[in-house]
Amino acid sequence: MKMSPEYKKAQDNMQPGVITADGFLGDDNRNIVDIIEADEEEFTRLGLDFDEVVDRLRYLLDEGRKGLGEPMTIDGKWIVTTTEARGHLASPFEDGIFRKVNADIQHAPGGNPDGKTLLVSDLALHLIEKNHFLQGRGAPFRMEPEMIKTVLEL
């Protein structure tokens, strides 16, 4: 992939203080094209499919929202707690505006948390679905492919 003007603009939007206080890149010094390519390669290596991951995350986020902020045990495998804040966040790719909805997804086989968790937001879900962008290493909403595989049981 090439660092097109659109990707350059998106990367500029991902810097701390532009859309969010922490930004989307964490302490990762790679450009977003390299981040996306590396994560796509890791997904392939792990046998993960972006559409399947997005579908499972969306399902858990939607089910978790039914708890109105209280932890929800879903399918006996996950404990999901959602929070919502006032306001909206724009996509750094300038392709949408999203509510501030976050879900803490704990892997809990048999209802027993094993310490493995994912933090997902409406915006993070969109970034994965549309751009295969998991965010930079060290970013608050970065989801590592191996943790995705483990927590989502894919």
Protein backbone atom coordinates (compact mmCIF):
# COMPACT_ATOMS: atom_id res chain seq x y z
CA MET A 1 0.00 0.00 0.00
CA LYS A 2 1.10 3.54 -0.68
CA MET A 3 0.90 6.51 1.69
CA SER A 4 -1.69 8.41 -0.36
CA PRO A 5 -2.79 11.98 0.44
CA GLU A 6 -5.91 10.50 2.11
CA TYR A 7 -3.79 8.33 4.40
CA LYS A 8 -1.49 11.27 5.13
CA LYS A 9 -4.50 13.41 6.15
CA ALA A 10 -5.87 10.55 8.29
CA GLN A 11 -2.49 10.13 10.00
CA ASP A 12 -2.37 13.86 10.71
CA ASN A 13 -5.86 13.57 12.25
CA MET A 14 -4.64 10.70 14.45
CA GLN A 15 -2.08 12.80 16.31
CA PRO A 16 -2.72 13.52 20.01
CA GLY A 17 -5.04 16.46 20.57
CA VAL A 18 -6.59 16.53 17.09
CA ILE A 19 -9.62 14.24 17.62
CA THR A 20 -8.79 12.68 20.99
CA ALA A 21 -6.37 13.70 23.72
CA ASP A 22 -4.25 10.54 23.29
CA GLY A 23 -4.60 10.14 19.53
CA PHE A 24 -4.73 6.82 17.70
CA LEU A 25 -1.06 5.94 17.25
CA GLY A 26 0.21 5.46 20.81
CA ASP A 27 3.99 5.24 20.80
CA ASP A 28 4.07 3.56 17.37
CA ASN A 29 6.38 5.45 15.00
CA ARG A 30 5.28 3.58 11.86
CA ASN A 31 3.05 5.26 9.31
CA ILE A 32 -0.55 4.02 9.21
CA VAL A 33 -0.04 2.16 5.93
CA ASP A 34 2.72 0.07 7.54
CA ILE A 35 0.57 -0.50 10.65
CA ILE A 36 -2.37 -1.68 8.52
CA GLU A 37 -0.20 -3.96 6.37
CA ALA A 38 1.45 -5.56 9.40
CA ASP A 39 -1.91 -6.19 11.09
CA GLU A 40 -3.39 -7.63 7.88
CA GLU A 41 -0.42 -10.01 7.66
CA GLU A 42 -0.88 -10.99 11.32
CA PHE A 43 -4.60 -11.62 10.76
CA THR A 44 -3.73 -13.91 7.85
CA ARG A 45 -1.11 -15.74 9.92
CA LEU A 46 -3.63 -16.28 12.73
CA GLY A 47 -6.45 -17.31 10.38
CA LEU A 48 -8.58 -14.31 11.36
CA ASP A 49 -11.09 -12.65 9.06
CA PHE A 50 -11.80 -8.94 9.50
CA ASP A 51 -15.52 -9.34 8.76
CA GLU A 52 -15.87 -12.16 11.28
CA VAL A 53 -14.00 -10.16 13.94
CA VAL A 54 -16.18 -7.09 13.32
CA ASP A 55 -19.36 -9.18 13.46
CA ARG A 56 -18.36 -10.76 16.79
CA LEU A 57 -17.28 -7.43 18.30
CA ARG A 58 -20.49 -5.73 17.14
CA TYR A 59 -22.58 -8.57 18.59
CA LEU A 60 -20.82 -8.30 21.96
CA LEU A 61 -21.04 -4.50 21.98
CA ASP A 62 -24.76 -4.59 21.15
CA GLU A 63 -25.50 -7.29 23.74
CA GLY A 64 -23.43 -5.45 26.35
CA ARG A 65 -25.41 -2.25 25.82
CA LYS A 66 -28.52 -4.07 27.03
CA GLY A 67 -26.95 -4.03 30.51
CA LEU A 68 -27.18 -0.23 30.68
CA GLY A 69 -23.70 0.02 32.18
CA GLU A 70 -23.91 -3.12 34.31
CA PRO A 71 -21.80 -6.18 33.42
CA MET A 72 -23.59 -8.64 31.12
CA THR A 73 -22.58 -12.29 30.81
CA ILE A 74 -22.97 -13.22 27.16
CA ASP A 75 -23.17 -16.80 25.93
CA GLY A 76 -21.37 -17.98 29.07
CA LYS A 77 -18.07 -16.88 27.50
CA TRP A 78 -17.79 -13.12 27.90
CA ILE A 79 -18.55 -10.46 30.48
CA VAL A 80 -19.22 -7.17 28.72
CA THR A 81 -19.59 -3.79 30.39
CA THR A 82 -20.47 -0.79 28.25
CA THR A 83 -20.19 2.88 29.03
CA GLU A 84 -21.54 5.81 27.11
CA ALA A 85 -20.42 9.42 27.30
CA ARG A 86 -22.01 12.53 25.89
CA GLY A 87 -20.80 13.71 22.54
CA HIS A 88 -19.38 12.22 19.40
CA LEU A 89 -16.00 11.48 17.81
CA ALA A 90 -15.10 11.94 14.16
CA SER A 91 -13.24 9.27 12.25
CA PRO A 92 -9.68 10.32 11.43
CA PHE A 93 -10.42 9.08 7.89
CA GLU A 94 -13.20 11.69 7.73
CA ASP A 95 -15.80 9.05 6.89
CA GLY A 96 -18.20 9.29 9.80
CA ILE A 97 -19.03 10.54 13.28
CA PHE A 98 -19.57 8.09 16.12
CA ARG A 99 -21.12 8.08 19.57
CA LYS A 100 -18.81 7.66 22.53
CA VAL A 101 -19.75 4.09 23.35
CA ASN A 102 -17.07 1.81 24.83
CA ALA A 103 -17.23 -1.84 25.81
CA ASP A 104 -14.86 -3.75 28.06
CA ILE A 105 -15.01 -7.35 26.84
CA GLN A 106 -13.64 -9.88 29.32
CA HIS A 107 -12.98 -13.43 28.22
CA ALA A 108 -14.83 -15.51 30.79
CA PRO A 109 -15.17 -19.18 29.85
CA GLY A 110 -17.88 -20.69 32.01
CA GLY A 111 -18.50 -17.23 33.47
CA ASN A 112 -15.01 -17.08 35.04
CA PRO A 113 -12.85 -14.15 33.82
CA ASP A 114 -9.35 -15.24 32.83
CA GLY A 115 -7.81 -11.75 32.73
CA LYS A 116 -7.86 -11.43 28.95
CA THR A 117 -9.80 -8.38 27.77
CA LEU A 118 -10.47 -6.14 24.81
CA LEU A 119 -11.56 -2.52 24.89
CA VAL A 120 -13.65 -1.55 21.89
CA SER A 121 -15.57 1.57 20.89
CA ASP A 122 -18.00 2.36 18.11
CA LEU A 123 -15.23 4.33 16.40
CA ALA A 124 -12.60 1.59 16.86
CA LEU A 125 -15.04 -0.93 15.38
CA HIS A 126 -15.56 1.32 12.37
CA LEU A 127 -11.79 1.75 11.89
CA ILE A 128 -11.33 -2.02 11.85
CA GLU A 129 -14.27 -2.65 9.54
CA LYS A 130 -13.56 0.04 6.94
CA ASN A 131 -9.79 0.42 7.09
CA HIS A 132 -8.39 -2.69 8.83
CA PHE A 133 -6.85 -0.21 11.26
CA LEU A 134 -6.34 -1.60 14.76
CA GLN A 135 -4.54 1.59 15.87
CA GLY A 136 -0.87 1.99 16.75
CA ARG A 137 0.97 0.11 19.47
CA GLY A 138 0.39 1.77 22.82
CA ALA A 139 -2.86 3.47 21.76
CA PRO A 140 -5.63 3.11 24.39
CA PHE A 141 -7.99 1.27 22.01
CA ARG A 142 -5.35 -0.82 20.21
CA MET A 143 -6.42 -4.46 19.92
CA GLU A 144 -3.61 -6.92 19.29
CA PRO A 145 -4.52 -9.64 16.79
CA GLU A 146 -3.49 -12.50 19.11
CA MET A 147 -5.65 -11.08 21.91
CA ILE A 148 -8.55 -10.71 19.47
CA LYS A 149 -8.21 -14.39 18.53
CA THR A 150 -8.08 -15.48 22.17
CA VAL A 151 -10.81 -13.28 23.61
CA LEU A 152 -13.25 -13.73 20.73
CA GLU A 153 -12.50 -17.47 20.49
CA LEU A 154 -11.93 -17.33 16.74
